[in-house]
């Protein structure tokens, strides 16, 4: 679920960049602030649950730290203006959260 949410976030970022800049479409929906807040809330729930549960099972801290760094970058993206900085912070954050989930899966297996 966490990796899927991270993927949707990445698709949202890329779609926003492409549709809004190239075609001028979807700006009212794709740039809506609540989408980012809701996405971060969902990421916090999914990562908190999955990574926290994984840590309790396998005791490895690396997945937790990587995912936490990603969530922090995603949260930081909420306080910068729309634009390249927001995009980069969010995308790197999403990649780190996904990596945290993958590390968590490997540690549990």
PDB file of N, CA and C in Angstrom:
ATOM      1  N   UNK A   1       0.828  -1.187   0.000  1.00  0.00           N
ATOM      2  CA  UNK A   1       0.000   0.000   0.000  1.00  0.00           C
ATOM      3  C   UNK A   1       0.875   1.254   0.000  1.00  0.00           C
ATOM      4  N   UNK A   2       1.924   1.246   0.827  1.00  0.00           N
ATOM      5  CA  UNK A   2       2.810   2.407   0.905  1.00  0.00           C
ATOM      6  C   UNK A   2       3.521   2.680  -0.409  1.00  0.00           C
ATOM      7  N   UNK A   3       4.009   1.629  -1.041  1.00  0.00           N
ATOM      8  CA  UNK A   3       4.698   1.798  -2.322  1.00  0.00           C
ATOM      9  C   UNK A   3       3.711   2.284  -3.370  1.00  0.00           C
ATOM     10  N   UNK A   4       2.488   1.780  -3.329  1.00  0.00           N
ATOM     11  CA  UNK A   4       1.452   2.234  -4.263  1.00  0.00           C
ATOM     12  C   UNK A   4       1.125   3.708  -4.078  1.00  0.00           C
ATOM     13  N   UNK A   5       0.995   4.139  -2.816  1.00  0.00           N
ATOM     14  CA  UNK A   5       0.743   5.560  -2.547  1.00  0.00           C
ATOM     15  C   UNK A   5       1.907   6.419  -3.019  1.00  0.00           C
ATOM     16  N   UNK A   6       3.119   5.945  -2.797  1.00  0.00           N
ATOM     17  CA  UNK A   6       4.284   6.695  -3.244  1.00  0.00           C
ATOM     18  C   UNK A   6       4.289   6.808  -4.764  1.00  0.00           C
ATOM     19  N   UNK A   7       3.931   5.740  -5.432  1.00  0.00           N
ATOM     20  CA  UNK A   7       3.835   5.769  -6.894  1.00  0.00           C
ATOM     21  C   UNK A   7       2.788   6.747  -7.379  1.00  0.00           C
ATOM     22  N   UNK A   8       1.632   6.761  -6.709  1.00  0.00           N
ATOM     23  CA  UNK A   8       0.591   7.722  -7.077  1.00  0.00           C
ATOM     24  C   UNK A   8       1.064   9.149  -6.867  1.00  0.00           C
ATOM     25  N   UNK A   9       1.807   9.366  -5.823  1.00  0.00           N
ATOM     26  CA  UNK A   9       2.349  10.695  -5.564  1.00  0.00           C
ATOM     27  C   UNK A   9       3.295  11.113  -6.685  1.00  0.00           C
ATOM     28  N   UNK A  10       4.162  10.201  -7.094  1.00  0.00           N
ATOM     29  CA  UNK A  10       5.096  10.512  -8.176  1.00  0.00           C
ATOM     30  C   UNK A  10       4.346  10.793  -9.471  1.00  0.00           C
ATOM     31  N   UNK A  11       3.318   9.998  -9.760  1.00  0.00           N
ATOM     32  CA  UNK A  11       2.502  10.231 -10.961  1.00  0.00           C
ATOM     33  C   UNK A  11       1.818  11.594 -10.875  1.00  0.00           C
ATOM     34  N   UNK A  12       1.296  11.934  -9.703  1.00  0.00           N
ATOM     35  CA  UNK A  12       0.657  13.240  -9.508  1.00  0.00           C
ATOM     36  C   UNK A  12       1.643  14.367  -9.794  1.00  0.00           C
ATOM     37  N   UNK A  13       2.858  14.246  -9.261  1.00  0.00           N
ATOM     38  CA  UNK A  13       3.873  15.290  -9.472  1.00  0.00           C
ATOM     39  C   UNK A  13       4.208  15.442 -10.951  1.00  0.00           C
ATOM     40  N   UNK A  14       4.432  14.319 -11.604  1.00  0.00           N
ATOM     41  CA  UNK A  14       4.780  14.372 -13.023  1.00  0.00           C
ATOM     42  C   UNK A  14       3.614  14.856 -13.877  1.00  0.00           C
ATOM     43  N   UNK A  15       2.407  14.394 -13.558  1.00  0.00           N
ATOM     44  CA  UNK A  15       1.229  14.840 -14.311  1.00  0.00           C
ATOM     45  C   UNK A  15       1.018  16.338 -14.144  1.00  0.00           C
ATOM     46  N   UNK A  16       1.210  16.827 -12.938  1.00  0.00           N
ATOM     47  CA  UNK A  16       1.060  18.259 -12.696  1.00  0.00           C
ATOM     48  C   UNK A  16       2.065  19.038 -13.524  1.00  0.00           C
ATOM     49  N   UNK A  17       3.307  18.613 -13.486  1.00  0.00           N
ATOM     50  CA  UNK A  17       4.352  19.294 -14.233  1.00  0.00           C
ATOM     51  C   UNK A  17       4.043  19.298 -15.729  1.00  0.00           C
ATOM     52  N   UNK A  18       3.670  18.144 -16.258  1.00  0.00           N
ATOM     53  CA  UNK A  18       3.415  18.041 -17.688  1.00  0.00           C
ATOM     54  C   UNK A  18       2.134  18.739 -18.119  1.00  0.00           C
ATOM     55  N   UNK A  19       1.032  18.450 -17.439  1.00  0.00           N
ATOM     56  CA  UNK A  19      -0.251  19.006 -17.861  1.00  0.00           C
ATOM     57  C   UNK A  19      -0.348  20.504 -17.657  1.00  0.00           C
ATOM     58  N   UNK A  20       0.106  20.976 -16.526  1.00  0.00           N
ATOM     59  CA  UNK A  20      -0.025  22.405 -16.240  1.00  0.00           C
ATOM     60  C   UNK A  20       0.941  23.217 -17.094  1.00  0.00           C
ATOM     61  N   UNK A  21       2.180  22.770 -17.193  1.00  0.00           N
ATOM     62  CA  UNK A  21       3.152  23.571 -17.946  1.00  0.00           C
ATOM     63  C   UNK A  21       2.983  23.429 -19.451  1.00  0.00           C
ATOM     64  N   UNK A  22       2.716  22.236 -19.934  1.00  0.00           N
ATOM     65  CA  UNK A  22       2.640  22.032 -21.377  1.00  0.00           C
ATOM     66  C   UNK A  22       1.273  22.386 -21.958  1.00  0.00           C
ATOM     67  N   UNK A  23       0.238  22.036 -21.263  1.00  0.00           N
ATOM     68  CA  UNK A  23      -1.099  22.201 -21.825  1.00  0.00           C
ATOM     69  C   UNK A  23      -1.958  23.228 -21.103  1.00  0.00           C
ATOM     70  N   UNK A  24      -1.547  23.625 -19.917  1.00  0.00           N
ATOM     71  CA  UNK A  24      -2.368  24.565 -19.152  1.00  0.00           C
ATOM     72  C   UNK A  24      -3.642  23.929 -18.616  1.00  0.00           C
ATOM     73  N   UNK A  25      -3.644  22.610 -18.486  1.00  0.00           N
ATOM     74  CA  UNK A  25      -4.832  21.892 -18.022  1.00  0.00           C
ATOM     75  C   UNK A  25      -4.661  21.423 -16.587  1.00  0.00           C
ATOM     76  N   UNK A  26      -5.736  21.361 -15.866  1.00  0.00           N
ATOM     77  CA  UNK A  26      -5.748  20.726 -14.558  1.00  0.00           C
ATOM     78  C   UNK A  26      -5.168  21.523 -13.428  1.00  0.00           C
ATOM     79  N   UNK A  27      -4.802  22.768 -13.662  1.00  0.00           N
ATOM     80  CA  UNK A  27      -4.186  23.567 -12.619  1.00  0.00           C
ATOM     81  C   UNK A  27      -5.050  23.737 -11.397  1.00  0.00           C
ATOM     82  N   UNK A  28      -6.349  23.893 -11.587  1.00  0.00           N
ATOM     83  CA  UNK A  28      -7.250  24.089 -10.445  1.00  0.00           C
ATOM     84  C   UNK A  28      -7.341  22.845  -9.573  1.00  0.00           C
ATOM     85  N   UNK A  29      -7.149  21.677 -10.167  1.00  0.00           N
ATOM     86  CA  UNK A  29      -7.246  20.429  -9.405  1.00  0.00           C
ATOM     87  C   UNK A  29      -5.876  19.931  -8.955  1.00  0.00           C
ATOM     88  N   UNK A  30      -4.935  19.869  -9.867  1.00  0.00           N
ATOM     89  CA  UNK A  30      -3.632  19.275  -9.556  1.00  0.00           C
ATOM     90  C   UNK A  30      -2.793  20.131  -8.624  1.00  0.00           C
ATOM     91  N   UNK A  31      -3.014  21.432  -8.601  1.00  0.00           N
ATOM     92  CA  UNK A  31      -2.247  22.308  -7.724  1.00  0.00           C
ATOM     93  C   UNK A  31      -2.961  22.596  -6.411  1.00  0.00           C
ATOM     94  N   UNK A  32      -4.085  21.967  -6.187  1.00  0.00           N
ATOM     95  CA  UNK A  32      -4.856  22.167  -4.952  1.00  0.00           C
ATOM     96  C   UNK A  32      -4.020  21.751  -3.744  1.00  0.00           C
ATOM     97  N   UNK A  33      -3.914  22.637  -2.765  1.00  0.00           N
ATOM     98  CA  UNK A  33      -3.106  22.368  -1.568  1.00  0.00           C
ATOM     99  C   UNK A  33      -3.591  21.157  -0.782  1.00  0.00           C
ATOM    100  N   UNK A  34      -4.896  20.931  -0.747  1.00  0.00           N
ATOM    101  CA  UNK A  34      -5.417  19.809   0.044  1.00  0.00           C
ATOM    102  C   UNK A  34      -4.964  18.457  -0.489  1.00  0.00           C
ATOM    103  N   UNK A  35      -4.703  18.363  -1.777  1.00  0.00           N
ATOM    104  CA  UNK A  35      -4.203  17.105  -2.334  1.00  0.00           C
ATOM    105  C   UNK A  35      -2.876  16.756  -1.671  1.00  0.00           C
ATOM    106  N   UNK A  36      -2.025  17.756  -1.493  1.00  0.00           N
ATOM    107  CA  UNK A  36      -0.717  17.508  -0.891  1.00  0.00           C
ATOM    108  C   UNK A  36      -0.845  17.177   0.592  1.00  0.00           C
ATOM    109  N   UNK A  37      -1.715  17.855   1.269  1.00  0.00           N
ATOM    110  CA  UNK A  37      -1.911  17.575   2.701  1.00  0.00           C
ATOM    111  C   UNK A  37      -2.493  16.177   2.915  1.00  0.00           C
ATOM    112  N   UNK A  38      -3.489  15.844   2.118  1.00  0.00           N
ATOM    113  CA  UNK A  38      -4.112  14.515   2.225  1.00  0.00           C
ATOM    114  C   UNK A  38      -3.108  13.432   1.851  1.00  0.00           C
ATOM    115  N   UNK A  39      -2.336  13.675   0.794  1.00  0.00           N
ATOM    116  CA  UNK A  39      -1.311  12.712   0.387  1.00  0.00           C
ATOM    117  C   UNK A  39      -0.286  12.478   1.482  1.00  0.00           C
ATOM    118  N   UNK A  40       0.147  13.554   2.136  1.00  0.00           N
ATOM    119  CA  UNK A  40       1.108  13.409   3.224  1.00  0.00           C
ATOM    120  C   UNK A  40       0.483  12.662   4.395  1.00  0.00           C
ATOM    121  N   UNK A  41      -0.763  12.965   4.699  1.00  0.00           N
ATOM    122  CA  UNK A  41      -1.447  12.265   5.794  1.00  0.00           C
ATOM    123  C   UNK A  41      -1.542  10.769   5.497  1.00  0.00           C
ATOM    124  N   UNK A  42      -1.898  10.420   4.262  1.00  0.00           N
ATOM    125  CA  UNK A  42      -1.970   9.006   3.880  1.00  0.00           C
ATOM    126  C   UNK A  42      -0.594   8.348   3.941  1.00  0.00           C
ATOM    127  N   UNK A  43       0.429   9.079   3.488  1.00  0.00           N
ATOM    128  CA  UNK A  43       1.796   8.544   3.538  1.00  0.00           C
ATOM    129  C   UNK A  43       2.233   8.326   4.982  1.00  0.00           C
ATOM    130  N   UNK A  44       1.895   9.262   5.856  1.00  0.00           N
ATOM    131  CA  UNK A  44       2.249   9.113   7.273  1.00  0.00           C
ATOM    132  C   UNK A  44       1.566   7.893   7.880  1.00  0.00           C
ATOM    133  N   UNK A  45       0.301   7.698   7.555  1.00  0.00           N
ATOM    134  CA  UNK A  45      -0.429   6.543   8.082  1.00  0.00           C
ATOM    135  C   UNK A  45       0.141   5.233   7.550  1.00  0.00           C
ATOM    136  N   UNK A  46       0.325   5.168   6.234  1.00  0.00           N
ATOM    137  CA  UNK A  46       0.811   3.927   5.630  1.00  0.00           C
ATOM    138  C   UNK A  46       2.240   3.617   6.084  1.00  0.00           C
ATOM    139  N   UNK A  47       3.110   4.616   6.017  1.00  0.00           N
ATOM    140  CA  UNK A  47       4.506   4.384   6.407  1.00  0.00           C
ATOM    141  C   UNK A  47       4.609   4.143   7.906  1.00  0.00           C
ATOM    142  N   UNK A  48       3.883   4.925   8.678  1.00  0.00           N
ATOM    143  CA  UNK A  48       3.921   4.732  10.129  1.00  0.00           C
ATOM    144  C   UNK A  48       3.484   3.342  10.527  1.00  0.00           C
ATOM    145  N   UNK A  49       2.409   2.880   9.928  1.00  0.00           N
ATOM    146  CA  UNK A  49       1.913   1.541  10.236  1.00  0.00           C
ATOM    147  C   UNK A  49       2.845   0.451   9.748  1.00  0.00           C
ATOM    148  N   UNK A  50       3.193   0.500   8.472  1.00  0.00           N
ATOM    149  CA  UNK A  50       3.995  -0.571   7.881  1.00  0.00           C
ATOM    150  C   UNK A  50       5.423  -0.580   8.406  1.00  0.00           C
ATOM    151  N   UNK A  51       6.055   0.583   8.418  1.00  0.00           N
ATOM    152  CA  UNK A  51       7.444   0.645   8.844  1.00  0.00           C
ATOM    153  C   UNK A  51       7.545   0.394  10.358  1.00  0.00           C
ATOM    154  N   UNK A  52       6.615   0.962  11.106  1.00  0.00           N
ATOM    155  CA  UNK A  52       6.605   0.730  12.561  1.00  0.00           C
ATOM    156  C   UNK A  52       6.393  -0.735  12.900  1.00  0.00           C
ATOM    157  N   UNK A  53       5.444  -1.361  12.225  1.00  0.00           N
ATOM    158  CA  UNK A  53       5.186  -2.783  12.443  1.00  0.00           C
ATOM    159  C   UNK A  53       6.408  -3.610  12.055  1.00  0.00           C
ATOM    160  N   UNK A  54       7.015  -3.254  10.924  1.00  0.00           N
ATOM    161  CA  UNK A  54       8.205  -3.971  10.482  1.00  0.00           C
ATOM    162  C   UNK A  54       9.338  -3.852  11.489  1.00  0.00           C
ATOM    163  N   UNK A  55       9.531  -2.658  12.024  1.00  0.00           N
ATOM    164  CA  UNK A  55      10.586  -2.461  13.014  1.00  0.00           C
ATOM    165  C   UNK A  55      10.345  -3.332  14.246  1.00  0.00           C
ATOM    166  N   UNK A  56       9.094  -3.424  14.670  1.00  0.00           N
ATOM    167  CA  UNK A  56       8.769  -4.260  15.826  1.00  0.00           C
ATOM    168  C   UNK A  56       9.060  -5.731  15.531  1.00  0.00           C
ATOM    169  N   UNK A  57       8.887  -6.139  14.267  1.00  0.00           N
ATOM    170  CA  UNK A  57       9.119  -7.534  13.893  1.00  0.00           C
ATOM    171  C   UNK A  57      10.595  -7.865  13.718  1.00  0.00           C
ATOM    172  N   UNK A  58      11.332  -7.022  12.978  1.00  0.00           N
ATOM    173  CA  UNK A  58      12.710  -7.372  12.648  1.00  0.00           C
ATOM    174  C   UNK A  58      13.756  -6.534  13.382  1.00  0.00           C
ATOM    175  N   UNK A  59      13.362  -5.428  13.971  1.00  0.00           N
ATOM    176  CA  UNK A  59      14.275  -4.625  14.779  1.00  0.00           C
ATOM    177  C   UNK A  59      15.331  -3.840  14.015  1.00  0.00           C
ATOM    178  N   UNK A  60      15.219  -3.768  12.707  1.00  0.00           N
ATOM    179  CA  UNK A  60      16.204  -3.024  11.909  1.00  0.00           C
ATOM    180  C   UNK A  60      15.758  -1.569  11.755  1.00  0.00           C
ATOM    181  N   UNK A  61      16.654  -0.677  12.065  1.00  0.00           N
ATOM    182  CA  UNK A  61      16.333   0.747  12.089  1.00  0.00           C
ATOM    183  C   UNK A  61      16.421   1.415  10.715  1.00  0.00           C
ATOM    184  N   UNK A  62      17.223   0.883   9.802  1.00  0.00           N
ATOM    185  CA  UNK A  62      17.445   1.527   8.505  1.00  0.00           C
ATOM    186  C   UNK A  62      16.154   1.815   7.735  1.00  0.00           C
ATOM    187  N   UNK A  63      15.220   0.865   7.588  1.00  0.00           N
ATOM    188  CA  UNK A  63      13.987   1.185   6.866  1.00  0.00           C
ATOM    189  C   UNK A  63      13.229   2.354   7.496  1.00  0.00           C
ATOM    190  N   UNK A  64      13.203   2.395   8.811  1.00  0.00           N
ATOM    191  CA  UNK A  64      12.516   3.466   9.530  1.00  0.00           C
ATOM    192  C   UNK A  64      13.168   4.820   9.248  1.00  0.00           C
ATOM    193  N   UNK A  65      14.496   4.873   9.323  1.00  0.00           N
ATOM    194  CA  UNK A  65      15.225   6.128   9.121  1.00  0.00           C
ATOM    195  C   UNK A  65      15.062   6.624   7.686  1.00  0.00           C
ATOM    196  N   UNK A  66      15.157   5.720   6.720  1.00  0.00           N
ATOM    197  CA  UNK A  66      15.015   6.106   5.307  1.00  0.00           C
ATOM    198  C   UNK A  66      13.604   6.633   5.040  1.00  0.00           C
ATOM    199  N   UNK A  67      12.596   5.917   5.526  1.00  0.00           N
ATOM    200  CA  UNK A  67      11.214   6.363   5.329  1.00  0.00           C
ATOM    201  C   UNK A  67      10.948   7.677   6.045  1.00  0.00           C
ATOM    202  N   UNK A  68      11.477   7.829   7.246  1.00  0.00           N
ATOM    203  CA  UNK A  68      11.292   9.069   8.000  1.00  0.00           C
ATOM    204  C   UNK A  68      11.916  10.255   7.270  1.00  0.00           C
ATOM    205  N   UNK A  69      13.100  10.060   6.698  1.00  0.00           N
ATOM    206  CA  UNK A  69      13.738  11.128   5.917  1.00  0.00           C
ATOM    207  C   UNK A  69      12.859  11.511   4.727  1.00  0.00           C
ATOM    208  N   UNK A  70      12.280  10.520   4.061  1.00  0.00           N
ATOM    209  CA  UNK A  70      11.390  10.792   2.937  1.00  0.00           C
ATOM    210  C   UNK A  70      10.150  11.551   3.355  1.00  0.00           C
ATOM    211  N   UNK A  71       9.556  11.152   4.463  1.00  0.00           N
ATOM    212  CA  UNK A  71       8.366  11.847   4.960  1.00  0.00           C
ATOM    213  C   UNK A  71       8.696  13.284   5.352  1.00  0.00           C
ATOM    214  N   UNK A  72       9.884  13.480   5.916  1.00  0.00           N
ATOM    215  CA  UNK A  72      10.302  14.839   6.287  1.00  0.00           C
ATOM    216  C   UNK A  72      10.444  15.720   5.048  1.00  0.00           C
ATOM    217  N   UNK A  73      11.006  15.170   3.984  1.00  0.00           N
ATOM    218  CA  UNK A  73      11.124  15.941   2.743  1.00  0.00           C
ATOM    219  C   UNK A  73       9.749  16.242   2.142  1.00  0.00           C
ATOM    220  N   UNK A  74       8.840  15.272   2.207  1.00  0.00           N
ATOM    221  CA  UNK A  74       7.486  15.502   1.713  1.00  0.00           C
ATOM    222  C   UNK A  74       6.793  16.590   2.528  1.00  0.00           C
ATOM    223  N   UNK A  75       7.009  16.588   3.833  1.00  0.00           N
ATOM    224  CA  UNK A  75       6.426  17.625   4.682  1.00  0.00           C
ATOM    225  C   UNK A  75       7.054  18.984   4.373  1.00  0.00           C
ATOM    226  N   UNK A  76       8.364  19.008   4.143  1.00  0.00           N
ATOM    227  CA  UNK A  76       9.043  20.265   3.805  1.00  0.00           C
ATOM    228  C   UNK A  76       8.504  20.844   2.502  1.00  0.00           C
ATOM    229  N   UNK A  77       8.093  19.972   1.587  1.00  0.00           N
ATOM    230  CA  UNK A  77       7.545  20.442   0.308  1.00  0.00           C
ATOM    231  C   UNK A  77       6.248  21.220   0.494  1.00  0.00           C
ATOM    232  N   UNK A  78       5.563  20.983   1.606  1.00  0.00           N
ATOM    233  CA  UNK A  78       4.308  21.706   1.852  1.00  0.00           C
ATOM    234  C   UNK A  78       4.535  23.169   2.219  1.00  0.00           C
ATOM    235  N   UNK A  79       5.736  23.512   2.662  1.00  0.00           N
ATOM    236  CA  UNK A  79       5.978  24.878   3.120  1.00  0.00           C
ATOM    237  C   UNK A  79       6.741  25.727   2.106  1.00  0.00           C
ATOM    238  N   UNK A  80       7.140  25.140   0.985  1.00  0.00           N
ATOM    239  CA  UNK A  80       7.772  25.934  -0.065  1.00  0.00           C
ATOM    240  C   UNK A  80       6.732  26.258  -1.132  1.00  0.00           C
ATOM    241  N   UNK A  81       6.912  27.346  -1.860  1.00  0.00           N
ATOM    242  CA  UNK A  81       5.957  27.690  -2.921  1.00  0.00           C
ATOM    243  C   UNK A  81       5.924  26.624  -4.015  1.00  0.00           C
ATOM    244  N   UNK A  82       4.785  26.557  -4.725  1.00  0.00           N
ATOM    245  CA  UNK A  82       4.688  25.643  -5.866  1.00  0.00           C
ATOM    246  C   UNK A  82       5.811  25.955  -6.838  1.00  0.00           C
ATOM    247  N   UNK A  83       6.402  24.933  -7.363  1.00  0.00           N
ATOM    248  CA  UNK A  83       7.472  25.133  -8.328  1.00  0.00           C
ATOM    249  C   UNK A  83       8.503  24.030  -8.250  1.00  0.00           C
ATOM    250  N   UNK A  84       9.666  24.283  -8.831  1.00  0.00           N
ATOM    251  CA  UNK A  84      10.696  23.244  -8.912  1.00  0.00           C
ATOM    252  C   UNK A  84      11.163  22.730  -7.547  1.00  0.00           C
ATOM    253  N   UNK A  85      11.299  23.608  -6.572  1.00  0.00           N
ATOM    254  CA  UNK A  85      11.755  23.157  -5.251  1.00  0.00           C
ATOM    255  C   UNK A  85      10.755  22.205  -4.615  1.00  0.00           C
ATOM    256  N   UNK A  86       9.493  22.527  -4.720  1.00  0.00           N
ATOM    257  CA  UNK A  86       8.448  21.647  -4.187  1.00  0.00           C
ATOM    258  C   UNK A  86       8.479  20.297  -4.889  1.00  0.00           C
ATOM    259  N   UNK A  87       8.612  20.336  -6.197  1.00  0.00           N
ATOM    260  CA  UNK A  87       8.640  19.119  -6.998  1.00  0.00           C
ATOM    261  C   UNK A  87       9.809  18.223  -6.588  1.00  0.00           C
ATOM    262  N   UNK A  88      10.998  18.814  -6.475  1.00  0.00           N
ATOM    263  CA  UNK A  88      12.197  18.040  -6.131  1.00  0.00           C
ATOM    264  C   UNK A  88      12.089  17.463  -4.720  1.00  0.00           C
ATOM    265  N   UNK A  89      11.663  18.279  -3.765  1.00  0.00           N
ATOM    266  CA  UNK A  89      11.509  17.782  -2.387  1.00  0.00           C
ATOM    267  C   UNK A  89      10.523  16.626  -2.328  1.00  0.00           C
ATOM    268  N   UNK A  90       9.398  16.791  -2.995  1.00  0.00           N
ATOM    269  CA  UNK A  90       8.368  15.744  -2.976  1.00  0.00           C
ATOM    270  C   UNK A  90       8.859  14.479  -3.652  1.00  0.00           C
ATOM    271  N   UNK A  91       9.446  14.619  -4.808  1.00  0.00           N
ATOM    272  CA  UNK A  91       9.872  13.439  -5.548  1.00  0.00           C
ATOM    273  C   UNK A  91      10.978  12.671  -4.816  1.00  0.00           C
ATOM    274  N   UNK A  92      11.948  13.385  -4.269  1.00  0.00           N
ATOM    275  CA  UNK A  92      12.992  12.700  -3.494  1.00  0.00           C
ATOM    276  C   UNK A  92      12.378  12.048  -2.253  1.00  0.00           C
ATOM    277  N   UNK A  93      11.434  12.747  -1.615  1.00  0.00           N
ATOM    278  CA  UNK A  93      10.746  12.184  -0.461  1.00  0.00           C
ATOM    279  C   UNK A  93      10.004  10.906  -0.798  1.00  0.00           C
ATOM    280  N   UNK A  94       9.300  10.911  -1.921  1.00  0.00           N
ATOM    281  CA  UNK A  94       8.545   9.732  -2.357  1.00  0.00           C
ATOM    282  C   UNK A  94       9.493   8.566  -2.635  1.00  0.00           C
ATOM    283  N   UNK A  95      10.610   8.851  -3.273  1.00  0.00           N
ATOM    284  CA  UNK A  95      11.586   7.791  -3.568  1.00  0.00           C
ATOM    285  C   UNK A  95      12.136   7.205  -2.265  1.00  0.00           C
ATOM    286  N   UNK A  96      12.431   8.063  -1.297  1.00  0.00           N
ATOM    287  CA  UNK A  96      12.949   7.569  -0.014  1.00  0.00           C
ATOM    288  C   UNK A  96      11.908   6.754   0.748  1.00  0.00           C
ATOM    289  N   UNK A  97      10.654   7.198   0.728  1.00  0.00           N
ATOM    290  CA  UNK A  97       9.601   6.424   1.400  1.00  0.00           C
ATOM    291  C   UNK A  97       9.453   5.057   0.731  1.00  0.00           C
ATOM    292  N   UNK A  98       9.471   5.035  -0.588  1.00  0.00           N
ATOM    293  CA  UNK A  98       9.398   3.751  -1.304  1.00  0.00           C
ATOM    294  C   UNK A  98      10.585   2.866  -0.959  1.00  0.00           C
ATOM    295  N   UNK A  99      11.774   3.466  -0.910  1.00  0.00           N
ATOM    296  CA  UNK A  99      12.969   2.697  -0.547  1.00  0.00           C
ATOM    297  C   UNK A  99      12.850   2.159   0.879  1.00  0.00           C
ATOM    298  N   UNK A 100      12.293   2.957   1.771  1.00  0.00           N
ATOM    299  CA  UNK A 100      12.067   2.498   3.135  1.00  0.00           C
ATOM    300  C   UNK A 100      11.141   1.289   3.186  1.00  0.00           C
ATOM    301  N   UNK A 101      10.080   1.346   2.365  1.00  0.00           N
ATOM    302  CA  UNK A 101       9.153   0.201   2.315  1.00  0.00           C
ATOM    303  C   UNK A 101       9.865  -1.039   1.757  1.00  0.00           C
ATOM    304  N   UNK A 102      10.669  -0.859   0.716  1.00  0.00           N
ATOM    305  CA  UNK A 102      11.386  -2.003   0.139  1.00  0.00           C
ATOM    306  C   UNK A 102      12.389  -2.571   1.143  1.00  0.00           C
ATOM    307  N   UNK A 103      13.118  -1.718   1.814  1.00  0.00           N
ATOM    308  CA  UNK A 103      14.050  -2.182   2.855  1.00  0.00           C
ATOM    309  C   UNK A 103      13.304  -2.915   3.970  1.00  0.00           C
ATOM    310  N   UNK A 104      12.144  -2.412   4.303  1.00  0.00           N
ATOM    311  CA  UNK A 104      11.324  -3.040   5.337  1.00  0.00           C
ATOM    312  C   UNK A 104      10.877  -4.443   4.902  1.00  0.00           C
ATOM    313  N   UNK A 105      10.464  -4.560   3.659  1.00  0.00           N
ATOM    314  CA  UNK A 105      10.044  -5.863   3.135  1.00  0.00           C
ATOM    315  C   UNK A 105      11.204  -6.855   3.128  1.00  0.00           C
ATOM    316  N   UNK A 106      12.364  -6.388   2.719  1.00  0.00           N
ATOM    317  CA  UNK A 106      13.553  -7.260   2.693  1.00  0.00           C
ATOM    318  C   UNK A 106      13.959  -7.691   4.094  1.00  0.00           C
ATOM    319  N   UNK A 107      13.888  -6.764   5.033  1.00  0.00           N
ATOM    320  CA  UNK A 107      14.274  -7.087   6.416  1.00  0.00           C
ATOM    321  C   UNK A 107      13.305  -8.079   7.036  1.00  0.00           C
ATOM    322  N   UNK A 108      12.039  -8.000   6.644  1.00  0.00           N
ATOM    323  CA  UNK A 108      11.032  -8.904   7.216  1.00  0.00           C
ATOM    324  C   UNK A 108      11.093 -10.282   6.594  1.00  0.00           C
ATOM    325  N   UNK A 109      11.649 -10.373   5.390  1.00  0.00           N
ATOM    326  CA  UNK A 109      11.654 -11.632   4.649  1.00  0.00           C
ATOM    327  C   UNK A 109      12.831 -12.443   4.913  1.00  0.00           C
TER     328      UNK A 109
END
